Amino acid sequence: MNNQMRCMAISAALAVFTLPAIAQSSNPSTPAASAPTAPSSSPSAPAATTPPTPKAATAPTVRQRDENQQDRISQGIASGQLTAGEASNLENKEKDLNVEQHEMRQLDNGHLTAADKATLQQQQNQVSNQIYKDKHNAAVQNSNPKGVVGSRAENQQGRIAQGVSSGQLDATETSHLEKGESRINQEARSDRAANGGKLTAAEQAKINGQQNRLSKQIYKDKHNSHHQ
């Protein structure tokens, strides 16, 4: 009886030691599911900004209109779209506008009234339209001359155009120079018409002398104290 009880006690003790091992082998440990990682904080989106309101286009000033139209005349002279006569006429109109503007300022302590500006703008519009018409009509300056006389005329037109563009020549000077160019060109045309399309040696010498005088005047006008 005692032996039987002793065997039962030993069996019970062995069961106590073997149960954890059995439980461990039958239920293998699995790594604990990792907790979901909180999303990293993303940089805050930039605050919505209101696009700047575009500024209303301002009308060009009287002075800006003057400069713009002088540039257009200069380009027309250089490209041959404006003949010397057309350029002279346009610059004469610009000269008259400048004189009128100067007188208006004198009457109002150097300023232009709203009425003055409106009057000048209207007149500038008229000159602007004339520039466009003259640059797009059939009359053009010979931009590919064959003879010496024509080449000199083209060269001097280029010098005048550069002077207008740079401001070295004002409207009065340009009008005077272009009037001289126009007279020389007209004389050359008349001489050719009278001689079967050619210039005699004497005619060439005479026109060359006139171009020399005009060339000197271009230089003087471009290097004096008067500017556009």
C-alpha atoms as a PDB file:
ATOM      1  CA  MET A   1       0.000   0.000   0.000  1.00  0.00           C
ATOM      2  CA  ASN A   2       2.797   2.308   0.859  1.00  0.00           C
ATOM      3  CA  ASN A   3       4.579   1.378  -2.354  1.00  0.00           C
ATOM      4  CA  GLN A   4       1.476   2.096  -4.331  1.00  0.00           C
ATOM      5  CA  MET A   5       1.085   5.540  -2.787  1.00  0.00           C
ATOM      6  CA  ARG A   6       4.746   6.292  -3.336  1.00  0.00           C
ATOM      7  CA  CYS A   7       4.409   5.467  -7.036  1.00  0.00           C
ATOM      8  CA  MET A   8       1.406   7.744  -7.354  1.00  0.00           C
ATOM      9  CA  ALA A   9       3.304  10.594  -5.698  1.00  0.00           C
ATOM     10  CA  ILE A  10       6.258  10.161  -8.056  1.00  0.00           C
ATOM     11  CA  SER A  11       3.916  10.091 -11.066  1.00  0.00           C
ATOM     12  CA  ALA A  12       2.241  13.275  -9.899  1.00  0.00           C
ATOM     13  CA  ALA A  13       5.590  15.006  -9.440  1.00  0.00           C
ATOM     14  CA  LEU A  14       6.744  13.962 -12.887  1.00  0.00           C
ATOM     15  CA  ALA A  15       3.487  15.331 -14.331  1.00  0.00           C
ATOM     16  CA  VAL A  16       4.122  18.711 -12.694  1.00  0.00           C
ATOM     17  CA  PHE A  17       7.567  18.998 -14.345  1.00  0.00           C
ATOM     18  CA  THR A  18       6.533  17.735 -17.777  1.00  0.00           C
ATOM     19  CA  LEU A  19       3.347  19.795 -18.230  1.00  0.00           C
ATOM     20  CA  PRO A  20       5.130  23.174 -18.846  1.00  0.00           C
ATOM     21  CA  ALA A  21       7.362  21.548 -21.433  1.00  0.00           C
ATOM     22  CA  ILE A  22       4.403  19.985 -23.172  1.00  0.00           C
ATOM     23  CA  ALA A  23       2.508  23.277 -23.099  1.00  0.00           C
ATOM     24  CA  GLN A  24       5.507  25.114 -24.494  1.00  0.00           C
ATOM     25  CA  SER A  25       6.033  22.649 -27.333  1.00  0.00           C
ATOM     26  CA  SER A  26       2.341  22.558 -28.214  1.00  0.00           C
ATOM     27  CA  ASN A  27       1.946  26.364 -28.088  1.00  0.00           C
ATOM     28  CA  PRO A  28       5.074  27.914 -29.588  1.00  0.00           C
ATOM     29  CA  SER A  29       5.502  31.499 -28.637  1.00  0.00           C
ATOM     30  CA  THR A  30       4.869  33.954 -31.423  1.00  0.00           C
ATOM     31  CA  PRO A  31       6.186  37.421 -31.425  1.00  0.00           C
ATOM     32  CA  ALA A  32       3.643  39.907 -30.287  1.00  0.00           C
ATOM     33  CA  ALA A  33       2.079  41.776 -33.115  1.00  0.00           C
ATOM     34  CA  SER A  34       3.744  45.086 -33.279  1.00  0.00           C
ATOM     35  CA  ALA A  35       1.460  47.963 -32.644  1.00  0.00           C
ATOM     36  CA  PRO A  36       0.771  50.008 -35.751  1.00  0.00           C
ATOM     37  CA  THR A  37       3.245  52.785 -36.017  1.00  0.00           C
ATOM     38  CA  ALA A  38       1.680  56.180 -35.889  1.00  0.00           C
ATOM     39  CA  PRO A  39       2.228  57.977 -39.168  1.00  0.00           C
ATOM     40  CA  SER A  40       5.022  60.473 -38.951  1.00  0.00           C
ATOM     41  CA  SER A  41       3.759  63.958 -38.780  1.00  0.00           C
ATOM     42  CA  SER A  42       3.923  65.402 -42.297  1.00  0.00           C
ATOM     43  CA  PRO A  43       4.977  69.018 -42.750  1.00  0.00           C
ATOM     44  CA  SER A  44       2.013  71.244 -42.550  1.00  0.00           C
ATOM     45  CA  ALA A  45       0.702  72.289 -45.948  1.00  0.00           C
ATOM     46  CA  PRO A  46       1.395  75.911 -46.753  1.00  0.00           C
ATOM     47  CA  ALA A  47      -1.469  78.142 -46.012  1.00  0.00           C
ATOM     48  CA  ALA A  48      -3.453  79.075 -49.060  1.00  0.00           C
ATOM     49  CA  THR A  49      -2.406  82.469 -50.294  1.00  0.00           C
ATOM     50  CA  THR A  50      -4.482  84.872 -52.283  1.00  0.00           C
ATOM     51  CA  PRO A  51      -2.831  85.675 -55.632  1.00  0.00           C
ATOM     52  CA  PRO A  52      -1.852  89.319 -55.912  1.00  0.00           C
ATOM     53  CA  THR A  53      -4.338  91.443 -57.714  1.00  0.00           C
ATOM     54  CA  PRO A  54      -2.854  92.497 -61.057  1.00  0.00           C
ATOM     55  CA  LYS A  55      -2.277  96.199 -61.294  1.00  0.00           C
ATOM     56  CA  ALA A  56      -4.356  98.010 -63.795  1.00  0.00           C
ATOM     57  CA  ALA A  57      -2.353  99.011 -66.851  1.00  0.00           C
ATOM     58  CA  THR A  58      -1.572 102.689 -66.682  1.00  0.00           C
ATOM     59  CA  ALA A  59      -1.751 104.837 -69.764  1.00  0.00           C
ATOM     60  CA  PRO A  60       1.648 106.001 -71.030  1.00  0.00           C
ATOM     61  CA  THR A  61       2.601 109.546 -70.154  1.00  0.00           C
ATOM     62  CA  VAL A  62       2.994 112.269 -72.756  1.00  0.00           C
ATOM     63  CA  ARG A  63       6.756 111.890 -72.447  1.00  0.00           C
ATOM     64  CA  GLN A  64       6.577 108.109 -72.918  1.00  0.00           C
ATOM     65  CA  ARG A  65       4.423 108.569 -76.016  1.00  0.00           C
ATOM     66  CA  ASP A  66       7.031 110.976 -77.430  1.00  0.00           C
ATOM     67  CA  GLU A  67       9.822 108.455 -76.897  1.00  0.00           C
ATOM     68  CA  ASN A  68       7.785 105.576 -78.313  1.00  0.00           C
ATOM     69  CA  GLN A  69       6.924 107.463 -81.475  1.00  0.00           C
ATOM     70  CA  GLN A  70      10.514 108.596 -81.957  1.00  0.00           C
ATOM     71  CA  ASP A  71      11.577 104.947 -81.716  1.00  0.00           C
ATOM     72  CA  ARG A  72       9.024 103.990 -84.358  1.00  0.00           C
ATOM     73  CA  ILE A  73      10.257 106.740 -86.677  1.00  0.00           C
ATOM     74  CA  SER A  74      13.856 105.678 -86.093  1.00  0.00           C
ATOM     75  CA  GLN A  75      13.021 102.075 -86.956  1.00  0.00           C
ATOM     76  CA  GLY A  76      11.192 103.211 -90.108  1.00  0.00           C
ATOM     77  CA  ILE A  77      14.178 105.265 -91.269  1.00  0.00           C
ATOM     78  CA  ALA A  78      16.638 102.439 -90.608  1.00  0.00           C
ATOM     79  CA  SER A  79      14.494  99.821 -92.373  1.00  0.00           C
ATOM     80  CA  GLY A  80      13.731 102.043 -95.374  1.00  0.00           C
ATOM     81  CA  GLN A  81       9.974 101.973 -94.676  1.00  0.00           C
ATOM     82  CA  LEU A  82      10.074 105.756 -94.271  1.00  0.00           C
ATOM     83  CA  THR A  83      11.510 107.906 -97.026  1.00  0.00           C
ATOM     84  CA  ALA A  84      13.472 111.026 -96.108  1.00  0.00           C
ATOM     85  CA  GLY A  85      10.457 113.150 -97.040  1.00  0.00           C
ATOM     86  CA  GLU A  86       8.073 111.126 -94.870  1.00  0.00           C
ATOM     87  CA  ALA A  87      10.501 111.178 -91.947  1.00  0.00           C
ATOM     88  CA  SER A  88      10.935 114.935 -92.294  1.00  0.00           C
ATOM     89  CA  ASN A  89       7.155 115.469 -92.261  1.00  0.00           C
ATOM     90  CA  LEU A  90       6.667 113.234 -89.218  1.00  0.00           C
ATOM     91  CA  GLU A  91       9.505 114.842 -87.286  1.00  0.00           C
ATOM     92  CA  ASN A  92       8.097 118.274 -88.114  1.00  0.00           C
ATOM     93  CA  LYS A  93       4.816 117.225 -86.515  1.00  0.00           C
ATOM     94  CA  GLU A  94       6.714 115.898 -83.480  1.00  0.00           C
ATOM     95  CA  LYS A  95       8.569 119.216 -83.262  1.00  0.00           C
ATOM     96  CA  ASP A  96       5.280 121.154 -83.260  1.00  0.00           C
ATOM     97  CA  LEU A  97       3.948 118.916 -80.490  1.00  0.00           C
ATOM     98  CA  ASN A  98       7.067 119.484 -78.405  1.00  0.00           C
ATOM     99  CA  VAL A  99       6.763 123.263 -78.826  1.00  0.00           C
ATOM    100  CA  GLU A 100       3.098 123.172 -77.826  1.00  0.00           C
ATOM    101  CA  GLN A 101       3.866 121.013 -74.796  1.00  0.00           C
ATOM    102  CA  HIS A 102       6.627 123.408 -73.725  1.00  0.00           C
ATOM    103  CA  GLU A 103       4.260 126.375 -73.946  1.00  0.00           C
ATOM    104  CA  MET A 104       1.598 124.534 -71.942  1.00  0.00           C
ATOM    105  CA  ARG A 105       4.079 123.817 -69.162  1.00  0.00           C
ATOM    106  CA  GLN A 106       5.190 127.441 -69.055  1.00  0.00           C
ATOM    107  CA  LEU A 107       1.599 128.525 -68.473  1.00  0.00           C
ATOM    108  CA  ASP A 108       1.189 126.183 -65.493  1.00  0.00           C
ATOM    109  CA  ASN A 109       4.475 126.366 -63.581  1.00  0.00           C
ATOM    110  CA  GLY A 110       6.077 123.455 -65.412  1.00  0.00           C
ATOM    111  CA  HIS A 111       3.067 121.150 -65.205  1.00  0.00           C
ATOM    112  CA  LEU A 112       0.462 119.866 -67.623  1.00  0.00           C
ATOM    113  CA  THR A 113      -3.199 120.102 -66.693  1.00  0.00           C
ATOM    114  CA  ALA A 114      -5.583 117.230 -67.368  1.00  0.00           C
ATOM    115  CA  ALA A 115      -6.960 119.186 -70.333  1.00  0.00           C
ATOM    116  CA  ASP A 116      -3.423 119.751 -71.652  1.00  0.00           C
ATOM    117  CA  LYS A 117      -2.653 116.031 -71.457  1.00  0.00           C
ATOM    118  CA  ALA A 118      -5.883 115.115 -73.221  1.00  0.00           C
ATOM    119  CA  THR A 119      -5.139 117.574 -76.044  1.00  0.00           C
ATOM    120  CA  LEU A 120      -1.591 116.309 -76.478  1.00  0.00           C
ATOM    121  CA  GLN A 121      -2.666 112.659 -76.375  1.00  0.00           C
ATOM    122  CA  GLN A 122      -5.190 113.295 -79.137  1.00  0.00           C
ATOM    123  CA  GLN A 123      -2.548 114.962 -81.303  1.00  0.00           C
ATOM    124  CA  GLN A 124      -0.089 112.156 -80.588  1.00  0.00           C
ATOM    125  CA  ASN A 125      -2.727 109.668 -81.709  1.00  0.00           C
ATOM    126  CA  GLN A 126      -2.943 111.487 -85.037  1.00  0.00           C
ATOM    127  CA  VAL A 127       0.845 111.401 -85.504  1.00  0.00           C
ATOM    128  CA  SER A 128       0.872 107.717 -84.493  1.00  0.00           C
ATOM    129  CA  ASN A 129      -1.673 106.909 -87.195  1.00  0.00           C
ATOM    130  CA  GLN A 130       0.393 108.818 -89.750  1.00  0.00           C
ATOM    131  CA  ILE A 131       3.531 106.901 -88.765  1.00  0.00           C
ATOM    132  CA  TYR A 132       1.696 103.641 -89.376  1.00  0.00           C
ATOM    133  CA  LYS A 133       0.360 104.764 -92.761  1.00  0.00           C
ATOM    134  CA  ASP A 134       3.742 106.032 -93.954  1.00  0.00           C
ATOM    135  CA  LYS A 135       5.505 102.833 -92.862  1.00  0.00           C
ATOM    136  CA  HIS A 136       3.009 100.643 -94.706  1.00  0.00           C
ATOM    137  CA  ASN A 137       2.508 102.515 -97.967  1.00  0.00           C
ATOM    138  CA  ALA A 138       4.294 101.888-101.269  1.00  0.00           C
ATOM    139  CA  ALA A 139       6.889 104.643-100.837  1.00  0.00           C
ATOM    140  CA  VAL A 140      10.168 103.253 -99.515  1.00  0.00           C
ATOM    141  CA  GLN A 141      13.783 104.347 -99.214  1.00  0.00           C
ATOM    142  CA  ASN A 142      16.218 102.449-101.436  1.00  0.00           C
ATOM    143  CA  SER A 143      17.750  99.986 -98.981  1.00  0.00           C
ATOM    144  CA  ASN A 144      19.924  98.249-101.586  1.00  0.00           C
ATOM    145  CA  PRO A 145      21.524 101.011-103.655  1.00  0.00           C
ATOM    146  CA  LYS A 146      23.950 100.189-106.440  1.00  0.00           C
ATOM    147  CA  GLY A 147      25.788 103.459-106.965  1.00  0.00           C
ATOM    148  CA  VAL A 148      27.977 105.612-104.726  1.00  0.00           C
ATOM    149  CA  VAL A 149      25.333 108.317-104.360  1.00  0.00           C
ATOM    150  CA  GLY A 150      22.710 105.831-103.216  1.00  0.00           C
ATOM    151  CA  SER A 151      25.110 104.139-100.822  1.00  0.00           C
ATOM    152  CA  ARG A 152      25.989 107.444 -99.193  1.00  0.00           C
ATOM    153  CA  ALA A 153      22.304 108.311 -98.828  1.00  0.00           C
ATOM    154  CA  GLU A 154      21.645 104.955 -97.155  1.00  0.00           C
ATOM    155  CA  ASN A 155      24.614 105.421 -94.822  1.00  0.00           C
ATOM    156  CA  GLN A 156      23.466 108.875 -93.766  1.00  0.00           C
ATOM    157  CA  GLN A 157      19.939 107.629 -93.172  1.00  0.00           C
ATOM    158  CA  GLY A 158      21.402 104.998 -90.873  1.00  0.00           C
ATOM    159  CA  ARG A 159      23.326 107.670 -88.940  1.00  0.00           C
ATOM    160  CA  ILE A 160      20.189 109.773 -88.576  1.00  0.00           C
ATOM    161  CA  ALA A 161      18.171 106.750 -87.412  1.00  0.00           C
ATOM    162  CA  GLN A 162      20.818 105.965 -84.790  1.00  0.00           C
ATOM    163  CA  GLY A 163      20.766 109.574 -83.604  1.00  0.00           C
ATOM    164  CA  VAL A 164      16.989 109.526 -83.215  1.00  0.00           C
ATOM    165  CA  SER A 165      17.079 106.195 -81.375  1.00  0.00           C
ATOM    166  CA  SER A 166      19.802 107.324 -78.962  1.00  0.00           C
ATOM    167  CA  GLY A 167      18.210 110.727 -78.334  1.00  0.00           C
ATOM    168  CA  GLN A 168      21.218 112.587 -79.773  1.00  0.00           C
ATOM    169  CA  LEU A 169      18.956 114.145 -82.391  1.00  0.00           C
ATOM    170  CA  ASP A 170      15.797 115.944 -81.326  1.00  0.00           C
ATOM    171  CA  ALA A 171      12.739 116.281 -83.538  1.00  0.00           C
ATOM    172  CA  THR A 172      13.762 119.709 -84.877  1.00  0.00           C
ATOM    173  CA  GLU A 173      17.242 118.549 -85.879  1.00  0.00           C
ATOM    174  CA  THR A 174      15.921 115.348 -87.417  1.00  0.00           C
ATOM    175  CA  SER A 175      13.297 117.196 -89.434  1.00  0.00           C
ATOM    176  CA  HIS A 176      15.952 119.575 -90.778  1.00  0.00           C
ATOM    177  CA  LEU A 177      18.374 116.766 -91.677  1.00  0.00           C
ATOM    178  CA  GLU A 178      15.708 114.661 -93.350  1.00  0.00           C
ATOM    179  CA  LYS A 179      14.548 117.667 -95.330  1.00  0.00           C
ATOM    180  CA  GLY A 180      18.118 118.010 -96.615  1.00  0.00           C
ATOM    181  CA  GLU A 181      18.224 114.296 -97.482  1.00  0.00           C
ATOM    182  CA  SER A 182      14.907 114.623 -99.293  1.00  0.00           C
ATOM    183  CA  ARG A 183      16.197 117.531-101.414  1.00  0.00           C
ATOM    184  CA  ILE A 184      19.341 115.619-102.393  1.00  0.00           C
ATOM    185  CA  ASN A 185      17.309 112.512-103.291  1.00  0.00           C
ATOM    186  CA  GLN A 186      14.913 114.582-105.384  1.00  0.00           C
ATOM    187  CA  GLU A 187      17.767 116.233-107.226  1.00  0.00           C
ATOM    188  CA  ALA A 188      19.375 112.860-107.966  1.00  0.00           C
ATOM    189  CA  ARG A 189      16.069 111.517-109.321  1.00  0.00           C
ATOM    190  CA  SER A 190      15.605 114.536-111.547  1.00  0.00           C
ATOM    191  CA  ASP A 191      19.152 114.269-112.909  1.00  0.00           C
ATOM    192  CA  ARG A 192      18.718 110.582-113.681  1.00  0.00           C
ATOM    193  CA  ALA A 193      15.389 111.197-115.387  1.00  0.00           C
ATOM    194  CA  ALA A 194      17.064 113.776-117.629  1.00  0.00           C
ATOM    195  CA  ASN A 195      19.958 111.474-118.519  1.00  0.00           C
ATOM    196  CA  GLY A 196      18.388 108.117-119.257  1.00  0.00           C
ATOM    197  CA  GLY A 197      18.548 106.872-115.660  1.00  0.00           C
ATOM    198  CA  LYS A 198      22.204 107.770-115.065  1.00  0.00           C
ATOM    199  CA  LEU A 199      24.151 110.551-113.382  1.00  0.00           C
ATOM    200  CA  THR A 200      26.896 112.363-115.230  1.00  0.00           C
ATOM    201  CA  ALA A 201      30.281 112.791-113.554  1.00  0.00           C
ATOM    202  CA  ALA A 202      29.496 116.464-112.905  1.00  0.00           C
ATOM    203  CA  GLU A 203      26.140 115.586-111.322  1.00  0.00           C
ATOM    204  CA  GLN A 204      27.742 112.956-109.120  1.00  0.00           C
ATOM    205  CA  ALA A 205      30.373 115.434-107.965  1.00  0.00           C
ATOM    206  CA  LYS A 206      27.721 118.044-107.166  1.00  0.00           C
ATOM    207  CA  ILE A 207      25.554 115.610-105.176  1.00  0.00           C
ATOM    208  CA  ASN A 208      28.597 114.238-103.380  1.00  0.00           C
ATOM    209  CA  GLY A 209      29.463 117.757-102.247  1.00  0.00           C
ATOM    210  CA  GLN A 210      25.934 118.220-100.895  1.00  0.00           C
ATOM    211  CA  GLN A 211      26.132 114.915 -99.049  1.00  0.00           C
ATOM    212  CA  ASN A 212      29.457 115.968 -97.517  1.00  0.00           C
ATOM    213  CA  ARG A 213      27.867 119.108 -96.089  1.00  0.00           C
ATOM    214  CA  LEU A 214      24.918 117.143 -94.763  1.00  0.00           C
ATOM    215  CA  SER A 215      27.237 114.540 -93.233  1.00  0.00           C
ATOM    216  CA  LYS A 216      29.035 117.277 -91.281  1.00  0.00           C
ATOM    217  CA  GLN A 217      25.703 118.646 -90.101  1.00  0.00           C
ATOM    218  CA  ILE A 218      24.651 115.202 -88.868  1.00  0.00           C
ATOM    219  CA  TYR A 219      27.849 115.005 -86.836  1.00  0.00           C
ATOM    220  CA  LYS A 220      27.379 118.494 -85.347  1.00  0.00           C
ATOM    221  CA  ASP A 221      23.749 117.881 -84.434  1.00  0.00           C
ATOM    222  CA  LYS A 222      24.573 114.538 -82.802  1.00  0.00           C
ATOM    223  CA  HIS A 223      27.361 116.041 -80.678  1.00  0.00           C
ATOM    224  CA  ASN A 224      25.821 119.322 -79.542  1.00  0.00           C
ATOM    225  CA  SER A 225      23.961 119.968 -76.287  1.00  0.00           C
ATOM    226  CA  HIS A 226      20.493 119.375 -77.747  1.00  0.00           C
ATOM    227  CA  HIS A 227      18.904 116.015 -76.958  1.00  0.00           C
ATOM    228  CA  GLN A 228      15.515 114.411 -77.300  1.00  0.00           C
END
